[in-house]
N, C-alpha and C. Protein backbone atom coordinates (compact mmCIF):
# COMPACT_ATOMS: atom_id res chain seq x y z
N UNK A 1 -56.38 74.18 -17.75
CA UNK A 1 -55.30 73.21 -17.86
C UNK A 1 -55.66 71.96 -17.07
N UNK A 2 -55.39 70.82 -17.67
CA UNK A 2 -55.65 69.57 -16.97
C UNK A 2 -54.51 68.60 -17.18
N UNK A 3 -54.13 67.94 -16.09
CA UNK A 3 -53.12 66.91 -16.17
C UNK A 3 -53.30 65.93 -15.03
N UNK A 4 -52.87 64.70 -15.25
CA UNK A 4 -52.95 63.67 -14.20
C UNK A 4 -51.79 62.70 -14.37
N UNK A 5 -51.21 62.33 -13.25
CA UNK A 5 -50.22 61.26 -13.23
C UNK A 5 -50.99 59.96 -13.13
N UNK A 6 -50.70 59.03 -14.03
CA UNK A 6 -51.43 57.77 -14.09
C UNK A 6 -50.52 56.66 -13.57
N UNK A 7 -51.06 55.89 -12.64
CA UNK A 7 -50.34 54.78 -12.03
C UNK A 7 -51.18 53.51 -12.14
N UNK A 8 -50.50 52.39 -12.23
CA UNK A 8 -51.15 51.09 -12.12
C UNK A 8 -50.93 50.65 -10.68
N UNK A 9 -52.01 50.34 -9.98
CA UNK A 9 -51.93 50.01 -8.56
C UNK A 9 -52.51 48.62 -8.32
N UNK A 10 -51.80 47.85 -7.55
CA UNK A 10 -52.30 46.54 -7.12
C UNK A 10 -52.54 46.64 -5.62
N UNK A 11 -53.79 46.36 -5.22
CA UNK A 11 -54.14 46.44 -3.80
C UNK A 11 -54.78 45.14 -3.35
N UNK A 12 -54.83 44.98 -2.05
CA UNK A 12 -55.36 43.76 -1.44
C UNK A 12 -56.59 44.11 -0.61
N UNK A 13 -57.58 43.27 -0.71
CA UNK A 13 -58.76 43.41 0.13
C UNK A 13 -58.64 42.40 1.26
N UNK A 14 -58.64 42.89 2.48
CA UNK A 14 -58.56 41.99 3.64
C UNK A 14 -59.97 41.59 4.03
N UNK A 15 -60.17 40.31 4.22
CA UNK A 15 -61.49 39.79 4.58
C UNK A 15 -61.51 39.40 6.06
N UNK A 16 -62.70 39.34 6.60
CA UNK A 16 -62.85 38.88 7.98
C UNK A 16 -62.70 37.36 8.03
N UNK A 17 -62.74 36.79 9.22
CA UNK A 17 -62.62 35.34 9.37
C UNK A 17 -63.81 34.59 8.78
N UNK A 18 -64.92 35.28 8.59
CA UNK A 18 -66.14 34.62 8.11
C UNK A 18 -66.25 34.55 6.60
N UNK A 19 -65.42 35.28 5.89
CA UNK A 19 -65.50 35.28 4.43
C UNK A 19 -64.11 35.10 3.84
N UNK A 20 -64.09 34.70 2.59
CA UNK A 20 -62.82 34.63 1.87
C UNK A 20 -63.01 35.28 0.52
N UNK A 21 -61.92 35.72 -0.03
CA UNK A 21 -61.93 36.38 -1.34
C UNK A 21 -61.00 35.63 -2.28
N UNK A 22 -61.43 35.53 -3.52
CA UNK A 22 -60.57 34.94 -4.53
C UNK A 22 -60.86 35.62 -5.86
N UNK A 23 -60.00 36.41 -6.38
CA UNK A 23 -58.69 36.72 -5.83
C UNK A 23 -58.83 37.75 -4.69
N UNK A 24 -57.78 37.87 -3.92
CA UNK A 24 -57.79 38.86 -2.84
C UNK A 24 -57.02 40.12 -3.22
N UNK A 25 -56.36 40.08 -4.39
CA UNK A 25 -55.64 41.25 -4.89
C UNK A 25 -56.29 41.71 -6.20
N UNK A 26 -56.28 43.01 -6.40
CA UNK A 26 -56.92 43.60 -7.57
C UNK A 26 -56.02 44.69 -8.14
N UNK A 27 -56.08 44.87 -9.45
CA UNK A 27 -55.36 45.95 -10.10
C UNK A 27 -56.34 46.99 -10.59
N UNK A 28 -55.89 48.23 -10.52
CA UNK A 28 -56.72 49.33 -10.99
C UNK A 28 -55.81 50.44 -11.50
N UNK A 29 -56.41 51.39 -12.18
CA UNK A 29 -55.68 52.57 -12.64
C UNK A 29 -56.01 53.72 -11.69
N UNK A 30 -54.97 54.35 -11.18
CA UNK A 30 -55.12 55.49 -10.29
C UNK A 30 -54.66 56.74 -11.04
N UNK A 31 -55.46 57.77 -10.99
CA UNK A 31 -55.09 59.05 -11.60
C UNK A 31 -54.94 60.09 -10.48
N UNK A 32 -53.75 60.64 -10.39
CA UNK A 32 -53.43 61.65 -9.39
C UNK A 32 -53.41 63.00 -10.10
N UNK A 33 -54.31 63.90 -9.71
CA UNK A 33 -54.40 65.21 -10.36
C UNK A 33 -53.07 65.95 -10.24
N UNK A 34 -52.53 66.35 -11.38
CA UNK A 34 -51.25 67.05 -11.42
C UNK A 34 -51.47 68.52 -11.05
N UNK A 35 -50.75 69.00 -10.03
CA UNK A 35 -50.86 70.41 -9.68
C UNK A 35 -50.46 71.31 -10.85
N UNK A 36 -51.04 72.46 -10.91
CA UNK A 36 -50.71 73.42 -11.97
C UNK A 36 -49.23 73.77 -11.89
N UNK A 37 -48.51 73.74 -13.00
CA UNK A 37 -47.09 74.07 -12.99
C UNK A 37 -46.81 75.42 -12.31
N UNK A 38 -45.79 75.40 -11.46
CA UNK A 38 -45.40 76.60 -10.74
C UNK A 38 -46.11 76.78 -9.41
N UNK A 39 -47.10 75.93 -9.10
CA UNK A 39 -47.82 76.03 -7.83
C UNK A 39 -47.31 74.98 -6.86
N UNK A 40 -47.77 75.04 -5.64
CA UNK A 40 -47.37 74.10 -4.61
C UNK A 40 -47.61 72.66 -5.08
N UNK A 41 -46.60 71.83 -5.00
CA UNK A 41 -46.73 70.43 -5.37
C UNK A 41 -46.45 70.10 -6.82
N UNK A 42 -46.18 71.11 -7.64
CA UNK A 42 -46.00 70.86 -9.07
C UNK A 42 -44.77 70.02 -9.39
N UNK A 43 -43.81 69.97 -8.46
CA UNK A 43 -42.60 69.19 -8.69
C UNK A 43 -42.76 67.72 -8.30
N UNK A 44 -43.99 67.28 -8.16
CA UNK A 44 -44.28 65.89 -7.85
C UNK A 44 -43.49 64.94 -8.75
N UNK A 45 -43.45 65.22 -10.04
CA UNK A 45 -42.74 64.35 -10.98
C UNK A 45 -41.26 64.29 -10.68
N UNK A 46 -40.67 65.41 -10.30
CA UNK A 46 -39.24 65.45 -10.00
C UNK A 46 -38.93 64.71 -8.70
N UNK A 47 -39.83 64.79 -7.75
CA UNK A 47 -39.61 64.21 -6.44
C UNK A 47 -40.01 62.74 -6.35
N UNK A 48 -40.77 62.25 -7.32
CA UNK A 48 -41.35 60.91 -7.22
C UNK A 48 -40.88 59.95 -8.31
N UNK A 49 -40.47 60.49 -9.44
CA UNK A 49 -40.16 59.65 -10.60
C UNK A 49 -38.71 59.78 -11.03
N UNK A 50 -38.22 58.75 -11.72
CA UNK A 50 -36.90 58.80 -12.33
C UNK A 50 -36.94 57.93 -13.58
N UNK A 51 -36.68 58.56 -14.73
CA UNK A 51 -36.67 57.88 -16.02
C UNK A 51 -37.99 57.14 -16.30
N UNK A 52 -39.09 57.76 -15.87
CA UNK A 52 -40.40 57.18 -16.15
C UNK A 52 -40.81 56.05 -15.23
N UNK A 53 -40.13 55.93 -14.09
CA UNK A 53 -40.45 54.89 -13.11
C UNK A 53 -40.57 55.53 -11.73
N UNK A 54 -41.33 54.89 -10.84
CA UNK A 54 -41.39 55.33 -9.45
C UNK A 54 -39.99 55.16 -8.86
N UNK A 55 -39.47 56.20 -8.21
CA UNK A 55 -38.09 56.11 -7.71
C UNK A 55 -37.99 55.51 -6.31
N UNK A 56 -39.08 55.48 -5.55
CA UNK A 56 -39.09 54.87 -4.21
C UNK A 56 -40.43 54.14 -4.06
N UNK A 57 -40.42 52.86 -4.34
CA UNK A 57 -41.66 52.09 -4.36
C UNK A 57 -42.35 52.03 -2.99
N UNK A 58 -41.58 51.92 -1.93
CA UNK A 58 -42.20 51.88 -0.59
C UNK A 58 -42.90 53.19 -0.25
N UNK A 59 -42.26 54.29 -0.57
CA UNK A 59 -42.86 55.60 -0.32
C UNK A 59 -44.14 55.77 -1.13
N UNK A 60 -44.09 55.41 -2.40
CA UNK A 60 -45.28 55.52 -3.27
C UNK A 60 -46.39 54.62 -2.75
N UNK A 61 -46.04 53.43 -2.33
CA UNK A 61 -47.03 52.50 -1.81
C UNK A 61 -47.73 53.07 -0.57
N UNK A 62 -46.96 53.67 0.33
CA UNK A 62 -47.55 54.26 1.55
C UNK A 62 -48.47 55.45 1.20
N UNK A 63 -48.05 56.27 0.24
CA UNK A 63 -48.89 57.40 -0.17
C UNK A 63 -50.23 56.90 -0.71
N UNK A 64 -50.18 55.90 -1.57
CA UNK A 64 -51.42 55.38 -2.16
C UNK A 64 -52.27 54.68 -1.10
N UNK A 65 -51.64 53.97 -0.18
CA UNK A 65 -52.40 53.35 0.92
C UNK A 65 -53.17 54.40 1.71
N UNK A 66 -52.51 55.52 1.97
CA UNK A 66 -53.19 56.61 2.70
C UNK A 66 -54.38 57.14 1.92
N UNK A 67 -54.24 57.26 0.61
CA UNK A 67 -55.32 57.78 -0.23
C UNK A 67 -56.47 56.79 -0.36
N UNK A 68 -56.15 55.50 -0.50
CA UNK A 68 -57.19 54.50 -0.76
C UNK A 68 -57.74 53.84 0.51
N UNK A 69 -56.93 53.81 1.56
CA UNK A 69 -57.38 53.18 2.79
C UNK A 69 -57.39 51.66 2.72
N UNK A 70 -56.59 51.08 1.82
CA UNK A 70 -56.45 49.63 1.71
C UNK A 70 -54.98 49.29 1.58
N UNK A 71 -54.60 48.05 1.91
CA UNK A 71 -53.20 47.65 1.74
C UNK A 71 -52.83 47.63 0.25
N UNK A 72 -51.74 48.30 -0.09
CA UNK A 72 -51.29 48.39 -1.49
C UNK A 72 -50.05 47.52 -1.65
N UNK A 73 -50.08 46.69 -2.68
CA UNK A 73 -48.96 45.79 -2.95
C UNK A 73 -47.94 46.40 -3.89
N UNK A 74 -48.41 47.17 -4.89
CA UNK A 74 -47.46 47.76 -5.83
C UNK A 74 -48.06 49.00 -6.48
N UNK A 75 -47.15 49.90 -6.88
CA UNK A 75 -47.50 51.13 -7.58
C UNK A 75 -46.51 51.30 -8.73
N UNK A 76 -47.02 51.36 -9.95
CA UNK A 76 -46.17 51.52 -11.12
C UNK A 76 -46.64 52.72 -11.93
N UNK A 77 -45.71 53.61 -12.25
CA UNK A 77 -46.04 54.78 -13.05
C UNK A 77 -46.30 54.38 -14.49
N UNK A 78 -47.32 54.98 -15.08
CA UNK A 78 -47.65 54.73 -16.49
C UNK A 78 -47.38 55.95 -17.35
N UNK A 79 -47.91 57.12 -16.94
CA UNK A 79 -47.71 58.31 -17.77
C UNK A 79 -48.24 59.56 -17.07
N UNK A 80 -47.80 60.68 -17.61
CA UNK A 80 -48.45 61.96 -17.32
C UNK A 80 -49.38 62.20 -18.49
N UNK A 81 -50.68 62.20 -18.23
CA UNK A 81 -51.68 62.47 -19.27
C UNK A 81 -52.14 63.90 -19.06
N UNK A 82 -51.97 64.72 -20.08
CA UNK A 82 -52.28 66.14 -19.94
C UNK A 82 -52.67 66.73 -21.27
N UNK A 83 -53.42 67.83 -21.20
CA UNK A 83 -53.75 68.54 -22.43
C UNK A 83 -52.56 69.40 -22.85
N UNK A 84 -52.62 69.91 -24.08
CA UNK A 84 -51.50 70.69 -24.63
C UNK A 84 -51.16 71.90 -23.76
N UNK A 85 -52.17 72.54 -23.21
CA UNK A 85 -51.93 73.73 -22.38
C UNK A 85 -51.15 73.37 -21.12
N UNK A 86 -51.49 72.23 -20.52
CA UNK A 86 -50.77 71.81 -19.31
C UNK A 86 -49.31 71.51 -19.65
N UNK A 87 -49.08 70.77 -20.71
CA UNK A 87 -47.71 70.42 -21.10
C UNK A 87 -46.91 71.68 -21.42
N UNK A 88 -47.52 72.63 -22.11
CA UNK A 88 -46.82 73.89 -22.42
C UNK A 88 -46.48 74.64 -21.14
N UNK A 89 -47.40 74.69 -20.20
CA UNK A 89 -47.14 75.38 -18.92
C UNK A 89 -46.06 74.65 -18.12
N UNK A 90 -46.07 73.32 -18.16
CA UNK A 90 -45.04 72.54 -17.49
C UNK A 90 -43.67 72.83 -18.09
N UNK A 91 -43.59 72.84 -19.40
CA UNK A 91 -42.33 73.13 -20.09
C UNK A 91 -41.84 74.54 -19.73
N UNK A 92 -42.75 75.52 -19.70
CA UNK A 92 -42.38 76.89 -19.34
C UNK A 92 -41.86 76.96 -17.91
N UNK A 93 -42.53 76.27 -16.99
CA UNK A 93 -42.12 76.31 -15.58
C UNK A 93 -40.74 75.68 -15.40
N UNK A 94 -40.47 74.59 -16.10
CA UNK A 94 -39.16 73.95 -16.04
C UNK A 94 -38.11 74.88 -16.65
N UNK A 95 -38.43 75.50 -17.78
CA UNK A 95 -37.50 76.40 -18.45
C UNK A 95 -37.14 77.61 -17.59
N UNK A 96 -38.06 78.04 -16.74
CA UNK A 96 -37.82 79.20 -15.88
C UNK A 96 -36.66 78.96 -14.91
N UNK A 97 -36.38 77.69 -14.58
CA UNK A 97 -35.31 77.40 -13.64
C UNK A 97 -34.81 75.97 -13.85
N UNK A 98 -33.92 75.77 -14.81
CA UNK A 98 -33.40 74.44 -15.14
C UNK A 98 -32.43 73.90 -14.09
N UNK A 99 -31.80 74.77 -13.33
CA UNK A 99 -30.75 74.34 -12.41
C UNK A 99 -31.18 73.22 -11.45
N UNK A 100 -32.34 73.30 -10.79
CA UNK A 100 -32.72 72.20 -9.87
C UNK A 100 -32.90 70.85 -10.56
N UNK A 101 -33.07 70.87 -11.87
CA UNK A 101 -33.25 69.63 -12.62
C UNK A 101 -31.92 69.05 -13.09
N UNK A 102 -30.84 69.81 -12.91
CA UNK A 102 -29.51 69.40 -13.36
C UNK A 102 -29.58 68.94 -14.81
N UNK A 103 -30.16 69.80 -15.63
CA UNK A 103 -30.37 69.48 -17.05
C UNK A 103 -29.93 70.66 -17.91
N UNK A 104 -29.60 70.34 -19.16
CA UNK A 104 -29.19 71.37 -20.11
C UNK A 104 -30.35 71.94 -20.91
N UNK A 105 -31.48 71.22 -20.90
CA UNK A 105 -32.63 71.68 -21.66
C UNK A 105 -33.91 71.18 -20.99
N UNK A 106 -35.02 71.74 -21.41
CA UNK A 106 -36.33 71.30 -20.89
C UNK A 106 -36.56 69.84 -21.27
N UNK A 107 -36.26 69.49 -22.51
CA UNK A 107 -36.45 68.10 -22.94
C UNK A 107 -35.63 67.15 -22.08
N UNK A 108 -34.39 67.52 -21.79
CA UNK A 108 -33.54 66.69 -20.96
C UNK A 108 -34.13 66.56 -19.55
N UNK A 109 -34.60 67.64 -19.00
CA UNK A 109 -35.18 67.61 -17.65
C UNK A 109 -36.41 66.71 -17.60
N UNK A 110 -37.30 66.87 -18.54
CA UNK A 110 -38.52 66.06 -18.54
C UNK A 110 -38.20 64.59 -18.78
N UNK A 111 -37.24 64.32 -19.64
CA UNK A 111 -36.85 62.95 -19.91
C UNK A 111 -36.24 62.28 -18.68
N UNK A 112 -35.45 63.04 -17.91
CA UNK A 112 -34.83 62.49 -16.70
C UNK A 112 -35.87 61.93 -15.74
N UNK A 113 -36.98 62.59 -15.62
CA UNK A 113 -37.97 62.20 -14.62
C UNK A 113 -39.15 61.44 -15.21
N UNK A 114 -39.64 61.86 -16.34
CA UNK A 114 -40.83 61.25 -16.92
C UNK A 114 -40.52 60.23 -18.00
N UNK A 115 -39.26 60.11 -18.39
CA UNK A 115 -38.92 59.23 -19.50
C UNK A 115 -39.63 59.71 -20.75
N UNK A 116 -40.23 58.80 -21.46
CA UNK A 116 -41.02 59.18 -22.65
C UNK A 116 -42.51 59.06 -22.35
N UNK A 117 -42.87 59.17 -21.09
CA UNK A 117 -44.23 58.88 -20.64
C UNK A 117 -45.10 60.12 -20.47
N UNK A 118 -45.10 61.00 -21.47
CA UNK A 118 -46.01 62.14 -21.47
C UNK A 118 -47.01 61.90 -22.60
N UNK A 119 -48.26 61.73 -22.24
CA UNK A 119 -49.33 61.53 -23.21
C UNK A 119 -50.16 62.80 -23.31
N UNK A 120 -50.11 63.43 -24.47
CA UNK A 120 -50.90 64.65 -24.69
C UNK A 120 -52.26 64.21 -25.20
N UNK A 121 -53.30 64.67 -24.51
CA UNK A 121 -54.66 64.30 -24.86
C UNK A 121 -55.41 65.51 -25.38
N UNK A 122 -56.33 65.28 -26.26
CA UNK A 122 -57.16 66.37 -26.81
C UNK A 122 -58.13 66.86 -25.74
N UNK A 123 -58.41 68.14 -25.77
CA UNK A 123 -59.39 68.71 -24.85
C UNK A 123 -60.75 68.73 -25.54
N UNK A 124 -61.77 68.71 -24.72
CA UNK A 124 -63.14 68.74 -25.26
C UNK A 124 -63.54 70.13 -25.66
C-alpha cells in the first residue's frame, strides 16, 4: 500500500550579508508519506485538514519548517495521492469506527476532511 499527502509549499532562502537572492522565495511540492490506515499517525488527515484545506496554517508551517530546515511562508494541501489498496484500507479503517469522525458514512467522513482531494493512482 502506498499513499502520500501532497502539499504546495513556499519557502524562503535566507542569504548572508555577502550575497543576495532573487527571488528569495521558492515553491515546491512536498509529499508526506501517509501512514498505513489503522497504525500510529494514520489520522493525520483528520487532525490536519478540513474540507480539503489545511485547518491550522501556522501549525502546518511549523511542521514543514522542522522537516525542511528552512523558513516556510505557506503550506497548502493539494491531495491525498494513493493506490487503490491504500484507499480501500483507509475506507475500511474509517468504517470500523465512524463516531470520531462525526459522520454518517465513510464518504461523508472523508469528504469532511479531504474534500474531493483523493487522487487514486495506478500501481506499477
